[in-house]
C-alpha atoms as a PDB file:
ATOM      1  CA  MET A   1     -43.085 -72.749  10.229  1.00  0.00           C
ATOM      2  CA  PRO A   2     -39.855 -72.743   8.153  1.00  0.00           C
ATOM      3  CA  GLN A   3     -36.771 -73.232  10.308  1.00  0.00           C
ATOM      4  CA  VAL A   4     -34.226 -71.700   7.896  1.00  0.00           C
ATOM      5  CA  ALA A   5     -34.110 -68.296   6.222  1.00  0.00           C
ATOM      6  CA  LEU A   6     -31.978 -68.404   3.074  1.00  0.00           C
ATOM      7  CA  VAL A   7     -30.662 -65.022   1.958  1.00  0.00           C
ATOM      8  CA  GLY A   8     -29.530 -65.404  -1.660  1.00  0.00           C
ATOM      9  CA  TYR A   9     -30.957 -67.826  -4.186  1.00  0.00           C
ATOM     10  CA  GLY A  10     -28.177 -68.015  -6.747  1.00  0.00           C
ATOM     11  CA  ARG A  11     -26.508 -71.231  -7.868  1.00  0.00           C
ATOM     12  CA  PHE A  12     -25.278 -72.193  -4.403  1.00  0.00           C
ATOM     13  CA  GLY A  13     -28.456 -71.068  -2.654  1.00  0.00           C
ATOM     14  CA  ARG A  14     -30.583 -73.240  -4.926  1.00  0.00           C
ATOM     15  CA  ALA A  15     -28.225 -76.196  -4.429  1.00  0.00           C
ATOM     16  CA  LEU A  16     -28.324 -75.749  -0.645  1.00  0.00           C
ATOM     17  CA  GLY A  17     -32.109 -75.733  -0.904  1.00  0.00           C
ATOM     18  CA  THR A  18     -32.012 -79.294  -2.252  1.00  0.00           C
ATOM     19  CA  LEU A  19     -30.112 -80.395   0.880  1.00  0.00           C
ATOM     20  CA  LEU A  20     -32.610 -78.620   3.123  1.00  0.00           C
ATOM     21  CA  GLU A  21     -35.490 -80.344   1.352  1.00  0.00           C
ATOM     22  CA  ALA A  22     -33.807 -83.753   1.581  1.00  0.00           C
ATOM     23  CA  ALA A  23     -33.330 -83.197   5.339  1.00  0.00           C
ATOM     24  CA  GLU A  24     -36.962 -82.058   5.599  1.00  0.00           C
ATOM     25  CA  LEU A  25     -35.929 -78.670   6.932  1.00  0.00           C
ATOM     26  CA  GLY A  26     -38.457 -76.062   5.876  1.00  0.00           C
ATOM     27  CA  TYR A  27     -37.061 -72.805   4.529  1.00  0.00           C
ATOM     28  CA  ARG A  28     -37.907 -69.513   2.887  1.00  0.00           C
ATOM     29  CA  ALA A  29     -35.627 -67.727   0.454  1.00  0.00           C
ATOM     30  CA  MET A  30     -35.180 -64.143  -0.645  1.00  0.00           C
ATOM     31  CA  ASP A  31     -33.063 -62.712  -3.448  1.00  0.00           C
ATOM     32  CA  PRO A  32     -33.334 -59.284  -5.137  1.00  0.00           C
ATOM     33  CA  VAL A  33     -32.245 -60.741  -8.491  1.00  0.00           C
ATOM     34  CA  ALA A  34     -33.125 -64.449  -8.657  1.00  0.00           C
ATOM     35  CA  GLU A  35     -36.700 -65.438  -7.916  1.00  0.00           C
ATOM     36  CA  PRO A  36     -37.228 -68.426  -5.630  1.00  0.00           C
ATOM     37  CA  PRO A  37     -40.242 -70.626  -6.424  1.00  0.00           C
ATOM     38  CA  GLU A  38     -43.512 -69.170  -5.172  1.00  0.00           C
ATOM     39  CA  PRO A  39     -43.996 -71.483  -2.164  1.00  0.00           C
ATOM     40  CA  LEU A  40     -40.512 -70.597  -0.892  1.00  0.00           C
ATOM     41  CA  ARG A  41     -40.392 -66.913  -1.758  1.00  0.00           C
ATOM     42  CA  ALA A  42     -40.292 -64.207   0.912  1.00  0.00           C
ATOM     43  CA  ARG A  43     -41.029 -60.656  -0.240  1.00  0.00           C
ATOM     44  CA  SER A  44     -39.653 -58.840   2.783  1.00  0.00           C
ATOM     45  CA  VAL A  45     -37.077 -59.396   5.490  1.00  0.00           C
ATOM     46  CA  PRO A  46     -39.693 -59.764   8.260  1.00  0.00           C
ATOM     47  CA  GLU A  47     -41.511 -62.384   6.194  1.00  0.00           C
ATOM     48  CA  LEU A  48     -38.211 -64.159   5.513  1.00  0.00           C
ATOM     49  CA  LEU A  49     -37.270 -64.316   9.197  1.00  0.00           C
ATOM     50  CA  GLU A  50     -40.678 -65.187  10.621  1.00  0.00           C
ATOM     51  CA  GLY A  51     -40.285 -68.349  12.681  1.00  0.00           C
ATOM     52  CA  ALA A  52     -36.736 -69.007  11.411  1.00  0.00           C
ATOM     53  CA  GLU A  53     -34.009 -70.083  13.817  1.00  0.00           C
ATOM     54  CA  LEU A  54     -31.114 -70.120  11.320  1.00  0.00           C
ATOM     55  CA  VAL A  55     -30.283 -67.431   8.797  1.00  0.00           C
ATOM     56  CA  VAL A  56     -27.956 -68.589   6.005  1.00  0.00           C
ATOM     57  CA  VAL A  57     -26.386 -65.709   4.073  1.00  0.00           C
ATOM     58  CA  ALA A  58     -25.473 -67.073   0.633  1.00  0.00           C
ATOM     59  CA  VAL A  59     -24.411 -63.907  -1.171  1.00  0.00           C
ATOM     60  CA  PRO A  60     -21.114 -62.889  -2.828  1.00  0.00           C
ATOM     61  CA  VAL A  61     -18.476 -61.940  -0.258  1.00  0.00           C
ATOM     62  CA  PRO A  62     -18.237 -58.273  -1.428  1.00  0.00           C
ATOM     63  CA  ARG A  63     -21.977 -57.886  -0.662  1.00  0.00           C
ATOM     64  CA  MET A  64     -21.795 -59.495   2.771  1.00  0.00           C
ATOM     65  CA  ARG A  65     -21.615 -56.336   4.902  1.00  0.00           C
ATOM     66  CA  GLU A  66     -24.393 -54.602   2.945  1.00  0.00           C
ATOM     67  CA  VAL A  67     -26.730 -57.580   3.346  1.00  0.00           C
ATOM     68  CA  LEU A  68     -25.941 -57.937   7.046  1.00  0.00           C
ATOM     69  CA  LEU A  69     -26.782 -54.258   7.606  1.00  0.00           C
ATOM     70  CA  THR A  70     -30.141 -54.824   5.914  1.00  0.00           C
ATOM     71  CA  LEU A  71     -30.873 -57.837   8.099  1.00  0.00           C
ATOM     72  CA  ARG A  72     -29.591 -56.370  11.378  1.00  0.00           C
ATOM     73  CA  PRO A  73     -32.714 -54.403  12.504  1.00  0.00           C
ATOM     74  CA  HIS A  74     -34.794 -57.584  12.200  1.00  0.00           C
ATOM     75  CA  LEU A  75     -32.413 -60.033  13.895  1.00  0.00           C
ATOM     76  CA  THR A  76     -32.701 -61.076  17.536  1.00  0.00           C
ATOM     77  CA  PRO A  77     -30.533 -63.151  19.912  1.00  0.00           C
ATOM     78  CA  ARG A  78     -32.635 -66.249  19.093  1.00  0.00           C
ATOM     79  CA  HIS A  79     -31.347 -66.245  15.503  1.00  0.00           C
ATOM     80  CA  LEU A  80     -28.122 -67.894  14.366  1.00  0.00           C
ATOM     81  CA  VAL A  81     -26.540 -66.286  11.296  1.00  0.00           C
ATOM     82  CA  LEU A  82     -24.225 -68.364   9.077  1.00  0.00           C
ATOM     83  CA  ASP A  83     -22.294 -67.205   6.059  1.00  0.00           C
ATOM     84  CA  VAL A  84     -21.153 -69.681   3.396  1.00  0.00           C
ATOM     85  CA  GLY A  85     -18.386 -67.698   1.696  1.00  0.00           C
ATOM     86  CA  SER A  86     -15.333 -69.332   0.122  1.00  0.00           C
ATOM     87  CA  VAL A  87     -13.091 -67.090   2.219  1.00  0.00           C
ATOM     88  CA  LYS A  88     -13.449 -66.440   5.906  1.00  0.00           C
ATOM     89  CA  VAL A  89     -11.320 -63.555   7.214  1.00  0.00           C
ATOM     90  CA  LYS A  90     -13.342 -60.772   5.549  1.00  0.00           C
ATOM     91  CA  PRO A  91     -16.818 -62.265   6.153  1.00  0.00           C
ATOM     92  CA  VAL A  92     -15.958 -62.822   9.833  1.00  0.00           C
ATOM     93  CA  GLU A  93     -14.819 -59.197  10.066  1.00  0.00           C
ATOM     94  CA  ALA A  94     -18.177 -58.085   8.642  1.00  0.00           C
ATOM     95  CA  LEU A  95     -20.113 -60.383  10.978  1.00  0.00           C
ATOM     96  CA  THR A  96     -18.151 -59.051  13.952  1.00  0.00           C
ATOM     97  CA  GLU A  97     -18.702 -55.434  12.946  1.00  0.00           C
ATOM     98  CA  VAL A  98     -22.428 -55.659  12.170  1.00  0.00           C
ATOM     99  CA  LEU A  99     -23.702 -58.361  14.549  1.00  0.00           C
ATOM    100  CA  GLY A 100     -21.028 -58.334  17.243  1.00  0.00           C
ATOM    101  CA  ALA A 101     -22.054 -59.820  20.561  1.00  0.00           C
ATOM    102  CA  GLN A 102     -25.762 -59.043  20.089  1.00  0.00           C
ATOM    103  CA  VAL A 103     -26.742 -61.673  17.485  1.00  0.00           C
ATOM    104  CA  PRO A 104     -25.169 -65.171  17.380  1.00  0.00           C
ATOM    105  CA  TRP A 105     -23.183 -65.887  14.224  1.00  0.00           C
ATOM    106  CA  VAL A 106     -20.625 -68.310  12.792  1.00  0.00           C
ATOM    107  CA  GLY A 107     -18.447 -68.184   9.687  1.00  0.00           C
ATOM    108  CA  THR A 108     -18.688 -71.372   7.626  1.00  0.00           C
ATOM    109  CA  HIS A 109     -17.467 -72.644   4.249  1.00  0.00           C
ATOM    110  CA  PRO A 110     -19.179 -75.631   2.631  1.00  0.00           C
ATOM    111  CA  LEU A 111     -16.438 -77.398   0.647  1.00  0.00           C
ATOM    112  CA  PHE A 112     -18.860 -78.404  -2.087  1.00  0.00           C
ATOM    113  CA  GLY A 113     -20.689 -76.639  -4.865  1.00  0.00           C
ATOM    114  CA  PRO A 114     -23.680 -77.008  -7.175  1.00  0.00           C
ATOM    115  CA  LEU A 115     -21.902 -79.460  -9.489  1.00  0.00           C
ATOM    116  CA  SER A 116     -20.623 -81.766  -6.736  1.00  0.00           C
ATOM    117  CA  LEU A 117     -24.078 -81.730  -5.129  1.00  0.00           C
ATOM    118  CA  ALA A 118     -25.733 -82.495  -8.453  1.00  0.00           C
ATOM    119  CA  MET A 119     -23.348 -85.442  -8.878  1.00  0.00           C
ATOM    120  CA  ALA A 120     -24.026 -86.637  -5.303  1.00  0.00           C
ATOM    121  CA  GLU A 121     -20.316 -86.609  -4.478  1.00  0.00           C
ATOM    122  CA  ARG A 122     -19.452 -87.639  -0.949  1.00  0.00           C
ATOM    123  CA  PRO A 123     -18.327 -86.863   1.641  1.00  0.00           C
ATOM    124  CA  MET A 124     -19.697 -83.342   1.982  1.00  0.00           C
ATOM    125  CA  ARG A 125     -17.422 -81.341   4.250  1.00  0.00           C
ATOM    126  CA  VAL A 126     -17.882 -77.940   5.873  1.00  0.00           C
ATOM    127  CA  VAL A 127     -15.284 -75.743   7.558  1.00  0.00           C
ATOM    128  CA  LEU A 128     -16.654 -74.015  10.644  1.00  0.00           C
ATOM    129  CA  CYS A 129     -14.895 -71.141  12.424  1.00  0.00           C
ATOM    130  CA  PRO A 130     -15.886 -71.082  16.131  1.00  0.00           C
ATOM    131  CA  ASN A 131     -16.911 -67.667  17.419  1.00  0.00           C
ATOM    132  CA  PRO A 132     -15.584 -66.686  20.876  1.00  0.00           C
ATOM    133  CA  LEU A 133     -18.280 -63.997  21.163  1.00  0.00           C
ATOM    134  CA  HIS A 134     -20.951 -66.715  20.983  1.00  0.00           C
ATOM    135  CA  PRO A 135     -19.610 -70.026  22.356  1.00  0.00           C
ATOM    136  CA  ASP A 136     -22.940 -71.813  21.779  1.00  0.00           C
ATOM    137  CA  ALA A 137     -23.119 -70.787  18.121  1.00  0.00           C
ATOM    138  CA  ALA A 138     -20.585 -73.299  16.780  1.00  0.00           C
ATOM    139  CA  PRO A 139     -22.337 -76.356  18.316  1.00  0.00           C
ATOM    140  CA  ARG A 140     -25.662 -75.141  16.853  1.00  0.00           C
ATOM    141  CA  ALA A 141     -24.064 -74.702  13.436  1.00  0.00           C
ATOM    142  CA  ARG A 142     -22.462 -78.144  13.677  1.00  0.00           C
ATOM    143  CA  ARG A 143     -25.825 -79.773  14.429  1.00  0.00           C
ATOM    144  CA  PHE A 144     -27.362 -77.993  11.445  1.00  0.00           C
ATOM    145  CA  TYR A 145     -24.701 -79.162   8.986  1.00  0.00           C
ATOM    146  CA  GLU A 146     -24.657 -82.681  10.388  1.00  0.00           C
ATOM    147  CA  ALA A 147     -28.430 -82.819   9.874  1.00  0.00           C
ATOM    148  CA  LEU A 148     -27.690 -82.113   6.198  1.00  0.00           C
ATOM    149  CA  GLY A 149     -25.269 -85.055   6.097  1.00  0.00           C
ATOM    150  CA  CYS A 150     -22.060 -83.016   6.259  1.00  0.00           C
ATOM    151  CA  GLU A 151     -18.773 -83.648   8.033  1.00  0.00           C
ATOM    152  CA  VAL A 152     -17.637 -80.595  10.007  1.00  0.00           C
ATOM    153  CA  ILE A 153     -14.035 -79.394  10.343  1.00  0.00           C
ATOM    154  CA  GLU A 154     -13.232 -76.585  12.803  1.00  0.00           C
ATOM    155  CA  GLN A 155     -10.623 -73.997  11.846  1.00  0.00           C
ATOM    156  CA  THR A 156      -9.770 -70.361  12.491  1.00  0.00           C
ATOM    157  CA  PRO A 157     -10.615 -67.835   9.756  1.00  0.00           C
ATOM    158  CA  GLU A 158      -6.910 -67.166   9.156  1.00  0.00           C
ATOM    159  CA  GLY A 159      -6.047 -70.866   9.099  1.00  0.00           C
ATOM    160  CA  HIS A 160      -8.873 -71.514   6.659  1.00  0.00           C
ATOM    161  CA  ASP A 161      -7.835 -68.751   4.271  1.00  0.00           C
ATOM    162  CA  ARG A 162      -4.179 -69.795   4.319  1.00  0.00           C
ATOM    163  CA  VAL A 163      -5.138 -73.344   3.319  1.00  0.00           C
ATOM    164  CA  MET A 164      -7.583 -72.084   0.673  1.00  0.00           C
ATOM    165  CA  ALA A 165      -4.926 -69.766  -0.770  1.00  0.00           C
ATOM    166  CA  ARG A 166      -2.607 -72.748  -1.348  1.00  0.00           C
ATOM    167  CA  THR A 167      -5.369 -75.016  -2.689  1.00  0.00           C
ATOM    168  CA  HIS A 168      -8.631 -73.443  -3.854  1.00  0.00           C
ATOM    169  CA  ALA A 169      -7.143 -70.177  -5.115  1.00  0.00           C
ATOM    170  CA  LEU A 170      -4.158 -71.828  -6.837  1.00  0.00           C
ATOM    171  CA  THR A 171      -6.391 -74.431  -8.497  1.00  0.00           C
ATOM    172  CA  PHE A 172      -8.556 -71.683  -9.989  1.00  0.00           C
ATOM    173  CA  PHE A 173      -5.452 -69.684 -10.930  1.00  0.00           C
ATOM    174  CA  VAL A 174      -3.824 -72.573 -12.796  1.00  0.00           C
ATOM    175  CA  ALA A 175      -7.121 -73.600 -14.399  1.00  0.00           C
ATOM    176  CA  LYS A 176      -7.794 -70.087 -15.712  1.00  0.00           C
ATOM    177  CA  GLY A 177      -4.235 -69.843 -17.027  1.00  0.00           C
ATOM    178  CA  MET A 178      -4.635 -73.076 -18.968  1.00  0.00           C
ATOM    179  CA  VAL A 179      -8.041 -72.031 -20.310  1.00  0.00           C
ATOM    180  CA  ASP A 180      -6.768 -68.605 -21.400  1.00  0.00           C
ATOM    181  CA  SER A 181      -3.666 -70.124 -23.036  1.00  0.00           C
ATOM    182  CA  GLY A 182      -5.787 -72.576 -25.019  1.00  0.00           C
ATOM    183  CA  SER A 183      -4.366 -75.617 -23.228  1.00  0.00           C
ATOM    184  CA  ALA A 184      -7.598 -76.788 -21.637  1.00  0.00           C
ATOM    185  CA  VAL A 185      -9.374 -77.867 -24.801  1.00  0.00           C
ATOM    186  CA  ASP A 186     -10.468 -81.239 -26.110  1.00  0.00           C
ATOM    187  CA  VAL A 187      -7.703 -83.082 -27.954  1.00  0.00           C
ATOM    188  CA  PRO A 188      -7.861 -86.326 -29.973  1.00  0.00           C
ATOM    189  CA  PHE A 189      -5.383 -88.035 -27.654  1.00  0.00           C
ATOM    190  CA  ALA A 190      -3.706 -87.164 -24.368  1.00  0.00           C
ATOM    191  CA  PRO A 191      -1.790 -88.931 -21.582  1.00  0.00           C
ATOM    192  CA  ALA A 192      -3.601 -89.901 -18.419  1.00  0.00           C
ATOM    193  CA  SER A 193      -1.877 -87.099 -16.503  1.00  0.00           C
ATOM    194  CA  PHE A 194      -3.475 -84.464 -18.735  1.00  0.00           C
ATOM    195  CA  LYS A 195      -6.860 -86.160 -18.617  1.00  0.00           C
ATOM    196  CA  ALA A 196      -6.846 -85.914 -14.836  1.00  0.00           C
ATOM    197  CA  LEU A 197      -5.892 -82.236 -15.004  1.00  0.00           C
ATOM    198  CA  SER A 198      -8.498 -81.634 -17.691  1.00  0.00           C
ATOM    199  CA  ARG A 199     -11.219 -83.030 -15.442  1.00  0.00           C
ATOM    200  CA  THR A 200     -10.153 -80.654 -12.689  1.00  0.00           C
ATOM    201  CA  ILE A 201     -10.252 -77.703 -15.072  1.00  0.00           C
ATOM    202  CA  GLU A 202     -13.701 -78.672 -16.305  1.00  0.00           C
ATOM    203  CA  THR A 203     -14.961 -78.985 -12.746  1.00  0.00           C
ATOM    204  CA  VAL A 204     -13.658 -75.521 -11.915  1.00  0.00           C
ATOM    205  CA  ARG A 205     -15.169 -74.072 -15.067  1.00  0.00           C
ATOM    206  CA  MET A 206     -18.604 -75.654 -14.572  1.00  0.00           C
ATOM    207  CA  ASP A 207     -18.938 -75.513 -10.813  1.00  0.00           C
ATOM    208  CA  ALA A 208     -17.738 -72.094  -9.788  1.00  0.00           C
ATOM    209  CA  GLY A 209     -16.068 -70.036 -12.474  1.00  0.00           C
ATOM    210  CA  HIS A 210     -17.964 -67.028 -11.136  1.00  0.00           C
ATOM    211  CA  LEU A 211     -16.032 -67.377  -7.853  1.00  0.00           C
ATOM    212  CA  PHE A 212     -12.671 -66.616  -9.454  1.00  0.00           C
ATOM    213  CA  ASN A 213     -12.446 -62.948  -8.447  1.00  0.00           C
ATOM    214  CA  ALA A 214     -13.765 -63.603  -4.949  1.00  0.00           C
ATOM    215  CA  ILE A 215     -11.293 -66.334  -4.027  1.00  0.00           C
ATOM    216  CA  GLN A 216      -8.385 -64.385  -5.541  1.00  0.00           C
ATOM    217  CA  GLN A 217      -9.178 -60.871  -4.311  1.00  0.00           C
ATOM    218  CA  GLU A 218     -11.033 -61.479  -1.053  1.00  0.00           C
ATOM    219  CA  ASN A 219      -8.538 -63.982   0.366  1.00  0.00           C
ATOM    220  CA  PRO A 220      -5.743 -61.958   2.045  1.00  0.00           C
ATOM    221  CA  PHE A 221      -3.226 -64.770   1.467  1.00  0.00           C
ATOM    222  CA  ALA A 222      -3.969 -65.503  -2.209  1.00  0.00           C
ATOM    223  CA  THR A 223      -1.555 -62.920  -3.628  1.00  0.00           C
ATOM    224  CA  GLU A 224       1.377 -64.421  -1.729  1.00  0.00           C
ATOM    225  CA  ALA A 225       0.434 -67.950  -2.790  1.00  0.00           C
ATOM    226  CA  ARG A 226       0.219 -66.925  -6.460  1.00  0.00           C
ATOM    227  CA  GLY A 227       3.545 -65.151  -6.207  1.00  0.00           C
ATOM    228  CA  ARG A 228       5.288 -68.193  -4.740  1.00  0.00           C
ATOM    229  CA  LEU A 229       3.881 -70.417  -7.478  1.00  0.00           C
ATOM    230  CA  LEU A 230       4.873 -68.011 -10.242  1.00  0.00           C
ATOM    231  CA  ALA A 231       8.387 -67.620  -8.813  1.00  0.00           C
ATOM    232  CA  ALA A 232       8.809 -71.413  -8.695  1.00  0.00           C
ATOM    233  CA  LEU A 233       7.531 -71.831 -12.272  1.00  0.00           C
ATOM    234  CA  GLN A 234       9.766 -69.041 -13.553  1.00  0.00           C
ATOM    235  CA  ALA A 235      12.799 -70.615 -11.864  1.00  0.00           C
ATOM    236  CA  ILE A 236      12.004 -73.985 -13.471  1.00  0.00           C
ATOM    237  CA  HIS A 237      11.514 -72.277 -16.844  1.00  0.00           C
ATOM    238  CA  ARG A 238      14.884 -70.497 -16.578  1.00  0.00           C
ATOM    239  CA  ASP A 239      16.667 -73.716 -15.603  1.00  0.00           C
ATOM    240  CA  LEU A 240      15.137 -75.596 -18.530  1.00  0.00           C
ATOM    241  CA  GLU A 241      16.169 -72.878 -20.980  1.00  0.00           C
ATOM    242  CA  VAL A 242      19.861 -73.115 -20.031  1.00  0.00           C
ATOM    243  CA  LEU A 243      19.898 -76.913 -19.769  1.00  0.00           C
ATOM    244  CA  PRO A 244      21.927 -78.425 -22.626  1.00  0.00           C
ATOM    245  CA  SER A 245      19.929 -80.498 -25.059  1.00  0.00           C
ATOM    246  CA  GLY A 246      20.008 -84.263 -24.390  1.00  0.00           C
ATOM    247  CA  VAL A 247      21.193 -84.002 -20.779  1.00  0.00           C
ATOM    248  CA  GLN A 248      20.327 -87.098 -18.758  1.00  0.00           C
ATOM    249  CA  ALA A 249      18.002 -86.943 -15.776  1.00  0.00           C
ATOM    250  CA  ARG A 250      20.784 -87.789 -13.317  1.00  0.00           C
ATOM    251  CA  GLU A 251      22.724 -84.751 -14.550  1.00  0.00           C
ATOM    252  CA  ALA A 252      19.749 -82.494 -13.907  1.00  0.00           C
ATOM    253  CA  ALA A 253      18.851 -83.685 -10.432  1.00  0.00           C
ATOM    254  CA  GLY A 254      17.742 -80.207  -9.416  1.00  0.00           C
ATOM    255  CA  LEU A 255      14.930 -80.386 -11.950  1.00  0.00           C
ATOM    256  CA  SER A 256      13.627 -83.808 -11.033  1.00  0.00           C
ATOM    257  CA  ALA A 257      10.171 -83.852  -9.511  1.00  0.00           C
ATOM    258  CA  PRO A 258       9.325 -85.874  -6.387  1.00  0.00           C
ATOM    259  CA  GLY A 259       8.432 -89.374  -7.498  1.00  0.00           C
ATOM    260  CA  LEU A 260      10.216 -88.937 -10.846  1.00  0.00           C
ATOM    261  CA  GLU A 261      13.754 -89.686  -9.691  1.00  0.00           C
ATOM    262  CA  PRO A 262      15.865 -92.081 -11.771  1.00  0.00           C
ATOM    263  CA  GLY A 263      15.128 -95.740 -11.133  1.00  0.00           C
ATOM    264  CA  PRO A 264      12.000 -97.821 -11.465  1.00  0.00           C
ATOM    265  CA  PRO A 265       9.069 -96.844  -9.211  1.00  0.00           C
ATOM    266  CA  GLU A 266       7.780 -99.337  -6.699  1.00  0.00           C
ATOM    267  CA  VAL A 267       5.195-101.514  -8.417  1.00  0.00           C
ATOM    268  CA  ARG A 268       1.948-102.020  -6.548  1.00  0.00           C
ATOM    269  CA  GLU A 269       0.500-105.489  -6.375  1.00  0.00           C
ATOM    270  CA  PRO A 270      -2.572-106.135  -8.573  1.00  0.00           C
ATOM    271  CA  ARG A 271      -4.557-106.857  -5.400  1.00  0.00           C
ATOM    272  CA  GLU A 272      -3.899-103.299  -4.183  1.00  0.00           C
ATOM    273  CA  HIS A 273      -5.172-101.837  -7.442  1.00  0.00           C
ATOM    274  CA  ILE A 274      -8.243-104.064  -7.319  1.00  0.00           C
ATOM    275  CA  ASP A 275      -8.994-103.007  -3.737  1.00  0.00           C
ATOM    276  CA  GLN A 276      -8.718 -99.351  -4.728  1.00  0.00           C
ATOM    277  CA  LEU A 277     -11.014 -99.832  -7.725  1.00  0.00           C
ATOM    278  CA  ASP A 278     -13.530-101.765  -5.619  1.00  0.00           C
ATOM    279  CA  ARG A 279     -13.598 -98.907  -3.100  1.00  0.00           C
ATOM    280  CA  GLU A 280     -14.223 -96.453  -5.932  1.00  0.00           C
ATOM    281  CA  LEU A 281     -16.998 -98.692  -7.284  1.00  0.00           C
ATOM    282  CA  VAL A 282     -18.724 -98.746  -3.893  1.00  0.00           C
ATOM    283  CA  GLU A 283     -18.472 -94.950  -3.665  1.00  0.00           C
ATOM    284  CA  LEU A 284     -19.956 -94.653  -7.160  1.00  0.00           C
ATOM    285  CA  LEU A 285     -22.795 -96.993  -6.203  1.00  0.00           C
ATOM    286  CA  ALA A 286     -23.548 -94.793  -3.198  1.00  0.00           C
ATOM    287  CA  ARG A 287     -23.659 -91.703  -5.421  1.00  0.00           C
ATOM    288  CA  ARG A 288     -25.840 -93.525  -7.933  1.00  0.00           C
ATOM    289  CA  ALA A 289     -28.282 -94.547  -5.200  1.00  0.00           C
ATOM    290  CA  GLU A 290     -28.612 -90.918  -4.072  1.00  0.00           C
ATOM    291  CA  LEU A 291     -29.215 -89.688  -7.632  1.00  0.00           C
ATOM    292  CA  ALA A 292     -31.786 -92.453  -8.164  1.00  0.00           C
ATOM    293  CA  ARG A 293     -33.645 -91.340  -5.024  1.00  0.00           C
ATOM    294  CA  ARG A 294     -33.728 -87.773  -6.335  1.00  0.00           C
ATOM    295  CA  GLN A 295     -34.973 -88.957  -9.712  1.00  0.00           C
ATOM    296  CA  ARG A 296     -37.809 -90.929  -8.130  1.00  0.00           C
ATOM    297  CA  ARG A 297     -38.886 -87.862  -6.143  1.00  0.00           C
ATOM    298  CA  ALA A 298     -38.825 -85.599  -9.211  1.00  0.00           C
ATOM    299  CA  GLN A 299     -40.033 -87.989 -11.932  1.00  0.00           C
ATOM    300  CA  PRO A 300     -43.766 -88.723 -12.291  1.00  0.00           C
ATOM    301  CA  PRO A 301     -44.800 -92.401 -12.341  1.00  0.00           C
ATOM    302  CA  GLY A 302     -44.523 -93.927 -15.776  1.00  0.00           C
ATOM    303  CA  ASN A 303     -43.843 -97.137 -17.649  1.00  0.00           C
ATOM    304  CA  GLU A 304     -41.120 -98.413 -15.305  1.00  0.00           C
ATOM    305  CA  PRO A 305     -40.531-101.784 -17.051  1.00  0.00           C
ATOM    306  CA  ALA A 306     -40.012-100.023 -20.400  1.00  0.00           C
ATOM    307  CA  ARG A 307     -37.617 -97.492 -18.840  1.00  0.00           C
ATOM    308  CA  LYS A 308     -35.661-100.306 -17.213  1.00  0.00           C
ATOM    309  CA  GLU A 309     -35.284-102.275 -20.436  1.00  0.00           C
ATOM    310  CA  ALA A 310     -34.203 -99.162 -22.352  1.00  0.00           C
ATOM    311  CA  LEU A 311     -31.577 -98.442 -19.686  1.00  0.00           C
ATOM    312  CA  LEU A 312     -30.278-102.004 -19.798  1.00  0.00           C
ATOM    313  CA  ALA A 313     -30.019-101.895 -23.597  1.00  0.00           C
ATOM    314  CA  VAL A 314     -27.751 -98.850 -23.333  1.00  0.00           C
ATOM    315  CA  ARG A 315     -25.583-100.566 -20.697  1.00  0.00           C
ATOM    316  CA  ARG A 316     -25.213-103.655 -22.916  1.00  0.00           C
ATOM    317  CA  ALA A 317     -24.048-101.396 -25.750  1.00  0.00           C
ATOM    318  CA  TRP A 318     -21.467 -99.793 -23.461  1.00  0.00           C
ATOM    319  CA  ALA A 319     -20.230-103.238 -22.460  1.00  0.00           C
ATOM    320  CA  ARG A 320     -19.711-104.259 -26.110  1.00  0.00           C
ATOM    321  CA  GLU A 321     -17.767-101.036 -26.773  1.00  0.00           C
ATOM    322  CA  LEU A 322     -15.397-101.853 -23.913  1.00  0.00           C
ATOM    323  CA  GLY A 323     -14.947-105.530 -24.729  1.00  0.00           C
ATOM    324  CA  LEU A 324     -17.043-106.853 -21.840  1.00  0.00           C
ATOM    325  CA  GLU A 325     -19.699-109.546 -21.935  1.00  0.00           C
ATOM    326  CA  PRO A 326     -23.023-107.672 -22.413  1.00  0.00           C
ATOM    327  CA  GLN A 327     -25.136-110.249 -20.585  1.00  0.00           C
ATOM    328  CA  GLU A 328     -22.862-110.183 -17.537  1.00  0.00           C
ATOM    329  CA  VAL A 329     -22.981-106.395 -17.406  1.00  0.00           C
ATOM    330  CA  GLU A 330     -26.769-106.548 -17.776  1.00  0.00           C
ATOM    331  CA  ALA A 331     -26.984-108.972 -14.858  1.00  0.00           C
ATOM    332  CA  LEU A 332     -24.891-106.613 -12.738  1.00  0.00           C
ATOM    333  CA  PHE A 333     -27.112-103.644 -13.534  1.00  0.00           C
ATOM    334  CA  ARG A 334     -30.259-105.640 -12.806  1.00  0.00           C
ATOM    335  CA  VAL A 335     -28.894-106.138  -9.272  1.00  0.00           C
ATOM    336  CA  VAL A 336     -28.051-102.417  -9.010  1.00  0.00           C
ATOM    337  CA  LEU A 337     -31.512-101.391 -10.216  1.00  0.00           C
ATOM    338  CA  ASP A 338     -33.259-103.811  -7.842  1.00  0.00           C
ATOM    339  CA  ALA A 339     -31.264-102.503  -4.856  1.00  0.00           C
ATOM    340  CA  ARG A 340     -33.269 -99.270  -4.654  1.00  0.00           C
ATOM    341  CA  GLY A 341     -31.411 -97.051  -2.227  1.00  0.00           C
END
């Protein structure tokens, strides 16, 4: 009997389903718009909840209360209801109002999305807001997320939304501003600083552009955070406009950014850079191993030796493009391919 009832089978619901399958947690899903695959599909709320212990509500935050009201007549004290919204104050208010002390519930926010899951990025973290009405609910929710391979961080709904207003909401705000101004487009050359920002913008655009309104309008602290950022940018803009042309950095100390003060920065030893790159390589190998496992599950058996040689030929070509020895790179990838995670 499926252990999890998944309400909502949009982009995040489908991505969460891959984690449930990897953890061998059976589930059913129901969505009035998207259609889950036939073996997973529930056509009614009673069918969805039959045998389920956890109910994960993966719907847009503005629809949360409506969906909870639909579920409420069919929920019992044995169920545990989790939401996965990107904000927490308003969903927790809806959970309190509709489920109260009768049905256990916890507000949660998985800090990952469909794109990061598809890329096997780690670690996967989840914010969990303990519920004083149901003291046993948070430990149950923690066990569930840890079974999926997640790290759990406990926070209050208000504390969560304040942090998200200064991070998540501002990232989306800046990214949308750059997209709308035409700044976030491919260019023939760019400094490393812009490339890093461009990757962030692309991640926002691909992973969760549809969340923009929710994280701006449903977070009670987002307006203040945007206002503080805009005020700071406007002040910098005004100061730059009145700054005489050619003024030296030391004469404009008020405009210097942290880490950009006059004087040479502290140079890191090559060994430190190598250690950092090696750590990143190990993390990439871990992600690659996870993606390879998924590919083996999804891909029918075929001519494995031919696939391997074709892959190695591409890697040798990449090595030549970057000025590396193709045979050495091939040897490295043969080790990677043989170490089947």
